[in-house]
Amino acid sequence: MNVKSRAFAGAVVGAAALSLSVMAPVASADPAAGDFRVLAGVGSDTTQDVLNGLGDSIDGGTLIASYDATGTSPVKTRAAGCSLARPNGSSQGITALNNDIDTGAGCLDFARSSRGVVTAGTDLTWIPFASDKLTVAARSNSPLSGVNFTTAQLKAIYECTLTSVNGNPVTPLIPQSGSGTRSFFLTQIGNPTLGSCVGTMQEHDGRAVTSTAHIAPYSVAKYTAQTGGLIEDVHGATVLTTIDGGQYSRPVYNVVETARLNEAVIADTFVGADSKVCQDAFTTELYGFGTVADCGSTGLKGEN
């Protein structure tokens, strides 16, 4: 990264982080034991905190229950029954929602997702509500922290055919299987076949970046909320770099059963620009996400 672009990226993250630390306390995670709300959701680590914030903000904290991607397991989503293994990441959350639909259990109402459709179909609808940016993190004391990576470099790094950048060793880390960040990042860099040099980490936990050779994909929104004190700060010693002079942009979604789109509570909460989630732009932006023009649209459908 050149000095100008690095200074710009740092200023944006720093200003957002300052705003967060001034404006809000550390966010809560799962609803308290015995707090069973109308709509229950699981899935993405990337969007768990903004959904927690929306859950606390909308309708006095009685409408949306968002259960984190990590923590004790199982989670209990209803007063009667509904004890399920905690899904870690977008794909596990979507699978849990599909299983809930197939069995008629009635334990889940939506899944959080930071990736789009993988398998075509019409059973589920991906409803966008915000935008995120994804880039690569390195340790602040690493010579890689100043690199403006190219997409081609990253593909080769994750194939383990490129093992140094500007003469400095590089060891890639990738989020856990089922992570929407993992899926989106690998698609963006050309769907590499991962080489044996690639390590695994819980997404957006910078404490796993322990070597000056390590790099890992990282959500800019998540990083901003962590370093701003809005959520638990696990960024460790990481700083954000750039890719092709910027960062990859991506929409983030709440996924619901297509057959339930016309249910009043689902529609009022998620569907359309006037839905409760789309109208609470303050909370969405507070957590480092951007607003999207198609918030609440229902055109994107799939199976998982």
C-alpha atoms as a PDB file:
ATOM      1  CA  MET A   1       0.000   0.000   0.000  1.00  0.00           C
ATOM      2  CA  ASN A   2       1.382   3.469  -0.769  1.00  0.00           C
ATOM      3  CA  VAL A   3       1.588   6.075   2.001  1.00  0.00           C
ATOM      4  CA  LYS A   4      -1.460   7.980   0.787  1.00  0.00           C
ATOM      5  CA  SER A   5      -3.780   4.958   0.552  1.00  0.00           C
ATOM      6  CA  ARG A   6      -2.522   3.538   3.850  1.00  0.00           C
ATOM      7  CA  ALA A   7      -3.144   6.857   5.585  1.00  0.00           C
ATOM      8  CA  PHE A   8      -6.630   7.057   4.069  1.00  0.00           C
ATOM      9  CA  ALA A   9      -7.557   3.509   5.168  1.00  0.00           C
ATOM     10  CA  GLY A  10      -6.231   4.176   8.654  1.00  0.00           C
ATOM     11  CA  ALA A  11      -8.118   7.440   8.930  1.00  0.00           C
ATOM     12  CA  VAL A  12     -11.421   5.852   7.891  1.00  0.00           C
ATOM     13  CA  VAL A  13     -11.101   2.965  10.341  1.00  0.00           C
ATOM     14  CA  GLY A  14      -9.774   5.224  13.073  1.00  0.00           C
ATOM     15  CA  ALA A  15     -12.566   7.771  12.739  1.00  0.00           C
ATOM     16  CA  ALA A  16     -15.233   5.067  12.733  1.00  0.00           C
ATOM     17  CA  ALA A  17     -13.643   3.392  15.734  1.00  0.00           C
ATOM     18  CA  LEU A  18     -13.577   6.696  17.652  1.00  0.00           C
ATOM     19  CA  SER A  19     -17.233   7.270  16.824  1.00  0.00           C
ATOM     20  CA  LEU A  20     -18.156   3.805  18.066  1.00  0.00           C
ATOM     21  CA  SER A  21     -16.226   4.105  21.320  1.00  0.00           C
ATOM     22  CA  VAL A  22     -17.879   7.437  22.119  1.00  0.00           C
ATOM     23  CA  MET A  23     -21.411   6.475  21.177  1.00  0.00           C
ATOM     24  CA  ALA A  24     -22.066   2.993  22.528  1.00  0.00           C
ATOM     25  CA  PRO A  25     -21.107   0.415  25.166  1.00  0.00           C
ATOM     26  CA  VAL A  26     -19.906  -3.087  24.396  1.00  0.00           C
ATOM     27  CA  ALA A  27     -22.743  -4.982  22.737  1.00  0.00           C
ATOM     28  CA  SER A  28     -24.443  -7.986  24.267  1.00  0.00           C
ATOM     29  CA  ALA A  29     -24.259 -11.445  22.734  1.00  0.00           C
ATOM     30  CA  ASP A  30     -27.055 -14.046  22.992  1.00  0.00           C
ATOM     31  CA  PRO A  31     -30.286 -12.937  24.640  1.00  0.00           C
ATOM     32  CA  ALA A  32     -30.225 -13.604  28.367  1.00  0.00           C
ATOM     33  CA  ALA A  33     -31.338 -17.033  29.550  1.00  0.00           C
ATOM     34  CA  GLY A  34     -35.126 -17.134  29.519  1.00  0.00           C
ATOM     35  CA  ASP A  35     -35.401 -14.184  27.111  1.00  0.00           C
ATOM     36  CA  PHE A  36     -37.259 -15.768  24.199  1.00  0.00           C
ATOM     37  CA  ARG A  37     -38.095 -13.256  21.473  1.00  0.00           C
ATOM     38  CA  VAL A  38     -40.422 -13.495  18.490  1.00  0.00           C
ATOM     39  CA  LEU A  39     -37.813 -14.221  15.784  1.00  0.00           C
ATOM     40  CA  ALA A  40     -34.772 -16.409  16.365  1.00  0.00           C
ATOM     41  CA  GLY A  41     -31.711 -16.461  14.114  1.00  0.00           C
ATOM     42  CA  VAL A  42     -28.256 -18.039  13.927  1.00  0.00           C
ATOM     43  CA  GLY A  43     -25.314 -18.151  11.545  1.00  0.00           C
ATOM     44  CA  SER A  44     -22.734 -15.610  10.385  1.00  0.00           C
ATOM     45  CA  ASP A  45     -20.001 -14.398  12.725  1.00  0.00           C
ATOM     46  CA  THR A  46     -19.626 -11.284  10.559  1.00  0.00           C
ATOM     47  CA  THR A  47     -23.159 -10.023  11.192  1.00  0.00           C
ATOM     48  CA  GLN A  48     -23.878 -11.504  14.611  1.00  0.00           C
ATOM     49  CA  ASP A  49     -23.068  -8.270  16.444  1.00  0.00           C
ATOM     50  CA  VAL A  50     -25.029  -5.891  14.232  1.00  0.00           C
ATOM     51  CA  LEU A  51     -28.025  -8.259  14.539  1.00  0.00           C
ATOM     52  CA  ASN A  52     -27.529  -8.268  18.301  1.00  0.00           C
ATOM     53  CA  GLY A  53     -27.598  -4.475  18.138  1.00  0.00           C
ATOM     54  CA  LEU A  54     -30.692  -4.427  15.947  1.00  0.00           C
ATOM     55  CA  GLY A  55     -32.298  -6.966  18.264  1.00  0.00           C
ATOM     56  CA  ASP A  56     -31.749  -4.680  21.247  1.00  0.00           C
ATOM     57  CA  SER A  57     -32.817  -1.564  19.319  1.00  0.00           C
ATOM     58  CA  ILE A  58     -35.996  -2.666  17.556  1.00  0.00           C
ATOM     59  CA  ASP A  59     -39.314  -2.952  19.448  1.00  0.00           C
ATOM     60  CA  GLY A  60     -37.669  -2.529  22.819  1.00  0.00           C
ATOM     61  CA  GLY A  61     -35.592  -5.685  22.441  1.00  0.00           C
ATOM     62  CA  THR A  62     -38.563  -8.037  22.149  1.00  0.00           C
ATOM     63  CA  LEU A  63     -38.547  -8.917  18.439  1.00  0.00           C
ATOM     64  CA  ILE A  64     -35.170 -10.277  17.236  1.00  0.00           C
ATOM     65  CA  ALA A  65     -33.093 -12.904  19.043  1.00  0.00           C
ATOM     66  CA  SER A  66     -29.695 -13.354  17.397  1.00  0.00           C
ATOM     67  CA  TYR A  67     -27.499 -16.180  18.709  1.00  0.00           C
ATOM     68  CA  ASP A  68     -23.734 -15.808  18.251  1.00  0.00           C
ATOM     69  CA  ALA A  69     -21.673 -18.093  16.031  1.00  0.00           C
ATOM     70  CA  THR A  70     -19.493 -19.234  18.937  1.00  0.00           C
ATOM     71  CA  GLY A  71     -20.133 -19.898  22.602  1.00  0.00           C
ATOM     72  CA  THR A  72     -21.594 -22.642  24.712  1.00  0.00           C
ATOM     73  CA  SER A  73     -23.670 -25.241  22.921  1.00  0.00           C
ATOM     74  CA  PRO A  74     -26.498 -26.093  22.567  1.00  0.00           C
ATOM     75  CA  VAL A  75     -28.537 -22.908  22.301  1.00  0.00           C
ATOM     76  CA  LYS A  76     -32.187 -22.722  23.325  1.00  0.00           C
ATOM     77  CA  THR A  77     -34.376 -20.528  21.116  1.00  0.00           C
ATOM     78  CA  ARG A  78     -37.886 -21.149  22.480  1.00  0.00           C
ATOM     79  CA  ALA A  79     -39.354 -21.583  25.932  1.00  0.00           C
ATOM     80  CA  ALA A  80     -40.508 -25.114  25.076  1.00  0.00           C
ATOM     81  CA  GLY A  81     -37.999 -27.478  23.433  1.00  0.00           C
ATOM     82  CA  CYS A  82     -35.803 -26.021  20.672  1.00  0.00           C
ATOM     83  CA  SER A  83     -32.351 -26.874  21.996  1.00  0.00           C
ATOM     84  CA  LEU A  84     -29.945 -27.068  19.051  1.00  0.00           C
ATOM     85  CA  ALA A  85     -26.213 -27.262  18.400  1.00  0.00           C
ATOM     86  CA  ARG A  86     -24.837 -23.760  17.916  1.00  0.00           C
ATOM     87  CA  PRO A  87     -24.190 -23.107  14.183  1.00  0.00           C
ATOM     88  CA  ASN A  88     -20.793 -21.484  13.552  1.00  0.00           C
ATOM     89  CA  GLY A  89     -20.915 -19.380  10.405  1.00  0.00           C
ATOM     90  CA  SER A  90     -23.198 -18.621   7.482  1.00  0.00           C
ATOM     91  CA  SER A  91     -23.356 -22.094   5.952  1.00  0.00           C
ATOM     92  CA  GLN A  92     -24.037 -23.850   9.242  1.00  0.00           C
ATOM     93  CA  GLY A  93     -26.727 -21.279  10.025  1.00  0.00           C
ATOM     94  CA  ILE A  94     -28.399 -21.780   6.644  1.00  0.00           C
ATOM     95  CA  THR A  95     -28.197 -25.564   7.069  1.00  0.00           C
ATOM     96  CA  ALA A  96     -29.779 -25.275  10.511  1.00  0.00           C
ATOM     97  CA  LEU A  97     -32.597 -23.180   9.047  1.00  0.00           C
ATOM     98  CA  ASN A  98     -33.137 -25.702   6.251  1.00  0.00           C
ATOM     99  CA  ASN A  99     -33.226 -28.558   8.764  1.00  0.00           C
ATOM    100  CA  ASP A 100     -35.690 -26.635  10.915  1.00  0.00           C
ATOM    101  CA  ILE A 101     -37.967 -26.145   7.904  1.00  0.00           C
ATOM    102  CA  ASP A 102     -37.689 -29.781   6.804  1.00  0.00           C
ATOM    103  CA  THR A 103     -38.531 -31.136  10.250  1.00  0.00           C
ATOM    104  CA  GLY A 104     -41.177 -28.533  11.062  1.00  0.00           C
ATOM    105  CA  ALA A 105     -39.467 -27.874  14.380  1.00  0.00           C
ATOM    106  CA  GLY A 106     -40.290 -24.160  14.430  1.00  0.00           C
ATOM    107  CA  CYS A 107     -37.136 -23.264  16.337  1.00  0.00           C
ATOM    108  CA  LEU A 108     -35.592 -20.813  13.846  1.00  0.00           C
ATOM    109  CA  ASP A 109     -36.921 -17.955  11.731  1.00  0.00           C
ATOM    110  CA  PHE A 110     -33.855 -16.654   9.911  1.00  0.00           C
ATOM    111  CA  ALA A 111     -30.179 -17.273   9.275  1.00  0.00           C
ATOM    112  CA  ARG A 112     -27.482 -14.613   9.120  1.00  0.00           C
ATOM    113  CA  SER A 113     -25.296 -14.840   6.018  1.00  0.00           C
ATOM    114  CA  SER A 114     -22.251 -12.975   4.732  1.00  0.00           C
ATOM    115  CA  ARG A 115     -22.256 -14.913   1.463  1.00  0.00           C
ATOM    116  CA  GLY A 116     -24.781 -15.387  -1.308  1.00  0.00           C
ATOM    117  CA  VAL A 117     -26.476 -18.439  -2.782  1.00  0.00           C
ATOM    118  CA  VAL A 118     -24.410 -21.594  -3.298  1.00  0.00           C
ATOM    119  CA  THR A 119     -27.075 -23.974  -4.636  1.00  0.00           C
ATOM    120  CA  ALA A 120     -29.909 -22.852  -6.897  1.00  0.00           C
ATOM    121  CA  GLY A 121     -33.488 -23.273  -5.744  1.00  0.00           C
ATOM    122  CA  THR A 122     -36.413 -21.316  -4.361  1.00  0.00           C
ATOM    123  CA  ASP A 123     -36.853 -22.595  -0.802  1.00  0.00           C
ATOM    124  CA  LEU A 124     -34.919 -19.739   0.827  1.00  0.00           C
ATOM    125  CA  THR A 125     -34.705 -16.002   0.163  1.00  0.00           C
ATOM    126  CA  TRP A 126     -31.559 -13.960   0.827  1.00  0.00           C
ATOM    127  CA  ILE A 127     -32.671 -10.486   1.962  1.00  0.00           C
ATOM    128  CA  PRO A 128     -29.869  -7.870   1.852  1.00  0.00           C
ATOM    129  CA  PHE A 129     -29.751  -5.376   4.711  1.00  0.00           C
ATOM    130  CA  ALA A 130     -26.237  -3.883   4.666  1.00  0.00           C
ATOM    131  CA  SER A 131     -22.836  -3.904   2.987  1.00  0.00           C
ATOM    132  CA  ASP A 132     -19.403  -4.868   4.300  1.00  0.00           C
ATOM    133  CA  LYS A 133     -15.879  -4.697   2.975  1.00  0.00           C
ATOM    134  CA  LEU A 134     -13.408  -7.558   3.185  1.00  0.00           C
ATOM    135  CA  THR A 135      -9.645  -7.227   3.105  1.00  0.00           C
ATOM    136  CA  VAL A 136      -6.535  -8.929   4.454  1.00  0.00           C
ATOM    137  CA  ALA A 137      -5.123  -8.436   7.942  1.00  0.00           C
ATOM    138  CA  ALA A 138      -1.509  -8.790   9.027  1.00  0.00           C
ATOM    139  CA  ARG A 139       0.336  -8.068  12.278  1.00  0.00           C
ATOM    140  CA  SER A 140       1.234  -4.449  12.870  1.00  0.00           C
ATOM    141  CA  ASN A 141       4.910  -5.392  13.308  1.00  0.00           C
ATOM    142  CA  SER A 142       4.983  -7.385  10.070  1.00  0.00           C
ATOM    143  CA  PRO A 143       6.548  -6.101   6.826  1.00  0.00           C
ATOM    144  CA  LEU A 144       3.370  -7.454   5.180  1.00  0.00           C
ATOM    145  CA  SER A 145       1.286  -4.796   6.942  1.00  0.00           C
ATOM    146  CA  GLY A 146       2.323  -2.272   4.302  1.00  0.00           C
ATOM    147  CA  VAL A 147       1.601  -4.462   1.287  1.00  0.00           C
ATOM    148  CA  ASN A 148      -1.091  -3.673  -1.258  1.00  0.00           C
ATOM    149  CA  PHE A 149      -1.870  -7.265  -2.248  1.00  0.00           C
ATOM    150  CA  THR A 150      -3.173  -8.114  -5.691  1.00  0.00           C
ATOM    151  CA  THR A 151      -5.905 -10.647  -6.296  1.00  0.00           C
ATOM    152  CA  ALA A 152      -3.482 -12.727  -8.368  1.00  0.00           C
ATOM    153  CA  GLN A 153      -0.961 -12.724  -5.510  1.00  0.00           C
ATOM    154  CA  LEU A 154      -3.574 -13.879  -3.028  1.00  0.00           C
ATOM    155  CA  LYS A 155      -4.683 -16.745  -5.254  1.00  0.00           C
ATOM    156  CA  ALA A 156      -1.084 -17.944  -5.513  1.00  0.00           C
ATOM    157  CA  ILE A 157      -0.492 -17.460  -1.779  1.00  0.00           C
ATOM    158  CA  TYR A 158      -3.487 -19.620  -0.901  1.00  0.00           C
ATOM    159  CA  GLU A 159      -2.385 -22.233  -3.424  1.00  0.00           C
ATOM    160  CA  CYS A 160       0.995 -22.145  -1.639  1.00  0.00           C
ATOM    161  CA  THR A 161       2.821 -21.488  -4.921  1.00  0.00           C
ATOM    162  CA  LEU A 162       3.793 -17.992  -3.729  1.00  0.00           C
ATOM    163  CA  THR A 163       5.495 -18.151  -0.341  1.00  0.00           C
ATOM    164  CA  SER A 164       6.958 -14.651  -0.026  1.00  0.00           C
ATOM    165  CA  VAL A 165       5.983 -11.107  -0.958  1.00  0.00           C
ATOM    166  CA  ASN A 166       8.702  -8.494  -1.523  1.00  0.00           C
ATOM    167  CA  GLY A 167      11.141 -10.966  -0.030  1.00  0.00           C
ATOM    168  CA  ASN A 168       9.094 -11.455   3.146  1.00  0.00           C
ATOM    169  CA  PRO A 169       7.685 -14.904   4.067  1.00  0.00           C
ATOM    170  CA  VAL A 170       3.911 -15.236   3.958  1.00  0.00           C
ATOM    171  CA  THR A 171       1.749 -17.908   5.606  1.00  0.00           C
ATOM    172  CA  PRO A 172      -1.996 -17.686   4.868  1.00  0.00           C
ATOM    173  CA  LEU A 173      -4.806 -18.365   7.318  1.00  0.00           C
ATOM    174  CA  ILE A 174      -8.409 -19.043   6.307  1.00  0.00           C
ATOM    175  CA  PRO A 175     -11.602 -18.995   8.423  1.00  0.00           C
ATOM    176  CA  GLN A 176     -13.241 -22.204   9.601  1.00  0.00           C
ATOM    177  CA  SER A 177     -15.233 -24.396   7.222  1.00  0.00           C
ATOM    178  CA  GLY A 178     -18.756 -23.082   6.747  1.00  0.00           C
ATOM    179  CA  SER A 179     -17.746 -19.451   7.159  1.00  0.00           C
ATOM    180  CA  GLY A 180     -19.404 -17.035   4.744  1.00  0.00           C
ATOM    181  CA  THR A 181     -16.251 -14.907   4.844  1.00  0.00           C
ATOM    182  CA  ARG A 182     -14.206 -17.920   3.781  1.00  0.00           C
ATOM    183  CA  SER A 183     -16.583 -18.689   0.907  1.00  0.00           C
ATOM    184  CA  PHE A 184     -16.758 -15.091  -0.327  1.00  0.00           C
ATOM    185  CA  PHE A 185     -13.009 -14.486  -0.035  1.00  0.00           C
ATOM    186  CA  LEU A 186     -12.043 -17.642  -1.924  1.00  0.00           C
ATOM    187  CA  THR A 187     -14.514 -16.799  -4.680  1.00  0.00           C
ATOM    188  CA  GLN A 188     -13.078 -13.289  -4.972  1.00  0.00           C
ATOM    189  CA  ILE A 189      -9.499 -14.508  -5.344  1.00  0.00           C
ATOM    190  CA  GLY A 190     -10.357 -17.053  -8.040  1.00  0.00           C
ATOM    191  CA  ASN A 191     -11.382 -20.214  -6.146  1.00  0.00           C
ATOM    192  CA  PRO A 192      -7.878 -21.523  -5.460  1.00  0.00           C
ATOM    193  CA  THR A 193      -7.257 -25.119  -4.452  1.00  0.00           C
ATOM    194  CA  LEU A 194      -5.961 -24.578  -0.936  1.00  0.00           C
ATOM    195  CA  GLY A 195      -2.402 -25.738  -0.431  1.00  0.00           C
ATOM    196  CA  SER A 196      -0.949 -27.490   2.595  1.00  0.00           C
ATOM    197  CA  CYS A 197       0.560 -24.249   3.920  1.00  0.00           C
ATOM    198  CA  VAL A 198      -2.875 -22.781   4.723  1.00  0.00           C
ATOM    199  CA  GLY A 199      -3.873 -22.702   8.389  1.00  0.00           C
ATOM    200  CA  THR A 200      -7.382 -22.410   9.855  1.00  0.00           C
ATOM    201  CA  MET A 201      -8.714 -19.852  12.330  1.00  0.00           C
ATOM    202  CA  GLN A 202     -12.020 -18.641  13.743  1.00  0.00           C
ATOM    203  CA  GLU A 203     -12.985 -15.799  11.460  1.00  0.00           C
ATOM    204  CA  HIS A 204     -12.308 -12.243  12.614  1.00  0.00           C
ATOM    205  CA  ASP A 205     -10.288 -13.307  15.648  1.00  0.00           C
ATOM    206  CA  GLY A 206      -7.010 -11.490  15.158  1.00  0.00           C
ATOM    207  CA  ARG A 207      -5.453 -13.266  18.118  1.00  0.00           C
ATOM    208  CA  ALA A 208      -4.837 -16.188  15.741  1.00  0.00           C
ATOM    209  CA  VAL A 209      -2.512 -13.993  13.662  1.00  0.00           C
ATOM    210  CA  THR A 210       0.529 -14.805  15.760  1.00  0.00           C
ATOM    211  CA  SER A 211       3.343 -14.664  13.200  1.00  0.00           C
ATOM    212  CA  THR A 212       4.726 -11.776  11.156  1.00  0.00           C
ATOM    213  CA  ALA A 213       4.261 -14.122   8.170  1.00  0.00           C
ATOM    214  CA  HIS A 214       0.532 -14.570   8.767  1.00  0.00           C
ATOM    215  CA  ILE A 215      -2.220 -12.972   6.676  1.00  0.00           C
ATOM    216  CA  ALA A 216      -5.947 -13.591   6.992  1.00  0.00           C
ATOM    217  CA  PRO A 217      -9.177 -12.247   5.465  1.00  0.00           C
ATOM    218  CA  TYR A 218     -10.932  -9.821   7.808  1.00  0.00           C
ATOM    219  CA  SER A 219     -14.217  -7.903   7.773  1.00  0.00           C
ATOM    220  CA  VAL A 220     -13.664  -4.150   7.896  1.00  0.00           C
ATOM    221  CA  ALA A 221     -16.957  -3.670   9.764  1.00  0.00           C
ATOM    222  CA  LYS A 222     -16.030  -6.291  12.342  1.00  0.00           C
ATOM    223  CA  TYR A 223     -12.556  -4.778  12.793  1.00  0.00           C
ATOM    224  CA  THR A 224     -14.016  -1.297  13.212  1.00  0.00           C
ATOM    225  CA  ALA A 225     -16.488  -2.461  15.864  1.00  0.00           C
ATOM    226  CA  GLN A 226     -13.770  -4.405  17.691  1.00  0.00           C
ATOM    227  CA  THR A 227     -11.201  -1.620  17.774  1.00  0.00           C
ATOM    228  CA  GLY A 228     -13.880   0.958  18.603  1.00  0.00           C
ATOM    229  CA  GLY A 229     -14.910  -0.890  21.763  1.00  0.00           C
ATOM    230  CA  LEU A 230     -18.441  -1.617  20.578  1.00  0.00           C
ATOM    231  CA  ILE A 231     -17.931  -5.386  20.764  1.00  0.00           C
ATOM    232  CA  GLU A 232     -15.334  -7.642  22.359  1.00  0.00           C
ATOM    233  CA  ASP A 233     -11.957  -6.567  20.986  1.00  0.00           C
ATOM    234  CA  VAL A 234     -10.202  -9.664  19.643  1.00  0.00           C
ATOM    235  CA  HIS A 235      -8.310  -7.970  16.824  1.00  0.00           C
ATOM    236  CA  GLY A 236      -5.051  -8.749  18.615  1.00  0.00           C
ATOM    237  CA  ALA A 237      -2.078  -7.057  16.929  1.00  0.00           C
ATOM    238  CA  THR A 238      -3.636  -6.971  13.463  1.00  0.00           C
ATOM    239  CA  VAL A 239      -3.922  -4.068  11.062  1.00  0.00           C
ATOM    240  CA  LEU A 240      -5.822  -3.991   7.788  1.00  0.00           C
ATOM    241  CA  THR A 241      -4.113  -3.920   4.405  1.00  0.00           C
ATOM    242  CA  THR A 242      -5.545  -3.316   0.941  1.00  0.00           C
ATOM    243  CA  ILE A 243      -6.256  -5.519  -2.077  1.00  0.00           C
ATOM    244  CA  ASP A 244      -5.851  -4.068  -5.566  1.00  0.00           C
ATOM    245  CA  GLY A 245      -5.745  -0.637  -3.935  1.00  0.00           C
ATOM    246  CA  GLY A 246      -8.979  -1.114  -1.990  1.00  0.00           C
ATOM    247  CA  GLN A 247     -11.120  -3.841  -0.472  1.00  0.00           C
ATOM    248  CA  TYR A 248     -13.687  -6.348  -1.687  1.00  0.00           C
ATOM    249  CA  SER A 249     -17.273  -5.137  -1.200  1.00  0.00           C
ATOM    250  CA  ARG A 250     -20.062  -7.549  -0.338  1.00  0.00           C
ATOM    251  CA  PRO A 251     -23.711  -7.430   0.681  1.00  0.00           C
ATOM    252  CA  VAL A 252     -24.769  -9.208   3.850  1.00  0.00           C
ATOM    253  CA  TYR A 253     -28.111 -10.922   4.283  1.00  0.00           C
ATOM    254  CA  ASN A 254     -30.802 -12.287   6.511  1.00  0.00           C
ATOM    255  CA  VAL A 255     -32.067 -15.549   5.006  1.00  0.00           C
ATOM    256  CA  VAL A 256     -35.681 -16.620   5.504  1.00  0.00           C
ATOM    257  CA  GLU A 257     -37.977 -19.333   4.206  1.00  0.00           C
ATOM    258  CA  THR A 258     -39.532 -18.087   0.959  1.00  0.00           C
ATOM    259  CA  ALA A 259     -42.936 -19.463   1.958  1.00  0.00           C
ATOM    260  CA  ARG A 260     -42.920 -17.146   4.995  1.00  0.00           C
ATOM    261  CA  LEU A 261     -42.169 -13.885   3.174  1.00  0.00           C
ATOM    262  CA  ASN A 262     -45.792 -12.763   3.422  1.00  0.00           C
ATOM    263  CA  GLU A 263     -46.106 -13.495   7.130  1.00  0.00           C
ATOM    264  CA  ALA A 264     -46.697 -10.170   8.843  1.00  0.00           C
ATOM    265  CA  VAL A 265     -43.857 -10.443  11.353  1.00  0.00           C
ATOM    266  CA  ILE A 266     -41.301 -11.554   8.742  1.00  0.00           C
ATOM    267  CA  ALA A 267     -42.394  -8.911   6.254  1.00  0.00           C
ATOM    268  CA  ASP A 268     -42.481  -6.110   8.823  1.00  0.00           C
ATOM    269  CA  THR A 269     -39.037  -7.031  10.130  1.00  0.00           C
ATOM    270  CA  PHE A 270     -37.027  -7.838   7.005  1.00  0.00           C
ATOM    271  CA  VAL A 271     -38.915  -7.195   3.733  1.00  0.00           C
ATOM    272  CA  GLY A 272     -38.808  -3.905   1.879  1.00  0.00           C
ATOM    273  CA  ALA A 273     -37.117  -0.568   2.407  1.00  0.00           C
ATOM    274  CA  ASP A 274     -39.661   0.324   5.084  1.00  0.00           C
ATOM    275  CA  SER A 275     -39.005  -2.822   7.130  1.00  0.00           C
ATOM    276  CA  LYS A 276     -37.827  -2.379  10.711  1.00  0.00           C
ATOM    277  CA  VAL A 277     -34.311  -3.637   9.965  1.00  0.00           C
ATOM    278  CA  CYS A 278     -33.905  -1.389   6.917  1.00  0.00           C
ATOM    279  CA  GLN A 279     -35.270   1.625   8.764  1.00  0.00           C
ATOM    280  CA  ASP A 280     -32.718   1.292  11.563  1.00  0.00           C
ATOM    281  CA  ALA A 281     -29.785   2.592   9.512  1.00  0.00           C
ATOM    282  CA  PHE A 282     -28.303   4.212  12.617  1.00  0.00           C
ATOM    283  CA  THR A 283     -27.610   0.866  14.268  1.00  0.00           C
ATOM    284  CA  THR A 284     -26.388  -0.717  11.030  1.00  0.00           C
ATOM    285  CA  GLU A 285     -23.865   2.084  10.470  1.00  0.00           C
ATOM    286  CA  LEU A 286     -22.872   2.169  14.137  1.00  0.00           C
ATOM    287  CA  TYR A 287     -21.537  -1.362  13.763  1.00  0.00           C
ATOM    288  CA  GLY A 288     -19.375  -0.359  10.787  1.00  0.00           C
ATOM    289  CA  PHE A 289     -21.640  -1.536   7.968  1.00  0.00           C
ATOM    290  CA  GLY A 290     -22.899   0.512   5.043  1.00  0.00           C
ATOM    291  CA  THR A 291     -26.505   0.881   3.969  1.00  0.00           C
ATOM    292  CA  VAL A 292     -27.653  -0.572   0.635  1.00  0.00           C
ATOM    293  CA  ALA A 293     -30.142   0.731  -1.911  1.00  0.00           C
ATOM    294  CA  ASP A 294     -31.801  -2.685  -2.236  1.00  0.00           C
ATOM    295  CA  CYS A 295     -32.290  -3.248   1.489  1.00  0.00           C
ATOM    296  CA  GLY A 296     -35.216  -5.598   2.001  1.00  0.00           C
ATOM    297  CA  SER A 297     -35.376  -6.864  -1.601  1.00  0.00           C
ATOM    298  CA  THR A 298     -36.523 -10.451  -2.101  1.00  0.00           C
ATOM    299  CA  GLY A 299     -35.273 -11.358  -5.563  1.00  0.00           C
ATOM    300  CA  LEU A 300     -32.346 -13.569  -4.529  1.00  0.00           C
ATOM    301  CA  LYS A 301     -33.444 -17.146  -3.891  1.00  0.00           C
ATOM    302  CA  GLY A 302     -31.651 -20.452  -3.440  1.00  0.00           C
ATOM    303  CA  GLU A 303     -31.401 -23.720  -1.549  1.00  0.00           C
ATOM    304  CA  ASN A 304     -28.270 -23.061   0.525  1.00  0.00           C
END
